Protein backbone atom coordinates (compact mmCIF):
# COMPACT_ATOMS: atom_id res chain seq x y z
CA MET A 1 21.63 -70.31 75.50
CA ILE A 2 22.78 -73.95 75.55
CA ASP A 3 23.02 -74.01 71.76
CA PHE A 4 25.05 -70.79 71.82
CA TYR A 5 27.55 -72.18 74.33
CA GLU A 6 27.83 -75.47 72.44
CA SER A 7 28.55 -73.73 69.13
CA LYS A 8 31.04 -71.46 70.91
CA ASP A 9 32.87 -74.49 72.35
CA VAL A 10 33.00 -76.09 68.90
CA GLU A 11 34.46 -72.91 67.39
CA THR A 12 37.18 -72.57 70.04
CA GLY A 13 37.90 -76.30 69.77
CA CYS A 14 38.40 -76.00 66.01
CA ARG A 15 40.62 -72.96 66.45
CA ASN A 16 42.70 -74.71 69.11
CA SER A 17 43.17 -77.80 66.91
CA GLU A 18 44.20 -75.57 63.97
CA MET A 19 46.70 -73.73 66.18
CA ILE A 20 48.19 -77.00 67.45
CA ALA A 21 48.39 -78.40 63.90
CA TRP A 22 50.10 -75.19 62.69
CA ARG A 23 52.62 -75.31 65.56
CA ILE A 24 53.44 -78.96 64.80
CA TYR A 25 53.76 -78.06 61.09
CA VAL A 26 56.14 -75.19 61.82
CA LEU A 27 58.21 -77.30 64.23
CA SER A 28 58.45 -80.14 61.69
CA CYS A 29 59.54 -77.67 58.98
CA LYS A 30 62.23 -76.23 61.25
CA ARG A 31 63.35 -79.75 62.13
CA VAL A 32 63.72 -80.61 58.44
CA GLY A 33 65.47 -77.27 57.88
CA ILE A 34 62.85 -75.67 55.62
CA SER A 35 62.06 -72.01 56.24
CA THR A 36 58.31 -71.42 56.61
CA GLU A 37 58.72 -67.96 55.08
CA ASP A 38 60.24 -69.44 51.91
CA TYR A 39 57.43 -72.01 51.80
CA ILE A 40 54.74 -69.30 52.08
CA LYS A 41 56.35 -67.33 49.25
């Protein structure tokens, strides 16, 4: 059970860090004036 909880915490931690990084990336793009939709295309 301990291993399961530890791996679960690691997964959520990675997801949270990815979400924060994506938010910062989107905010920086908006600040520069680049549309994220155009970038994805």
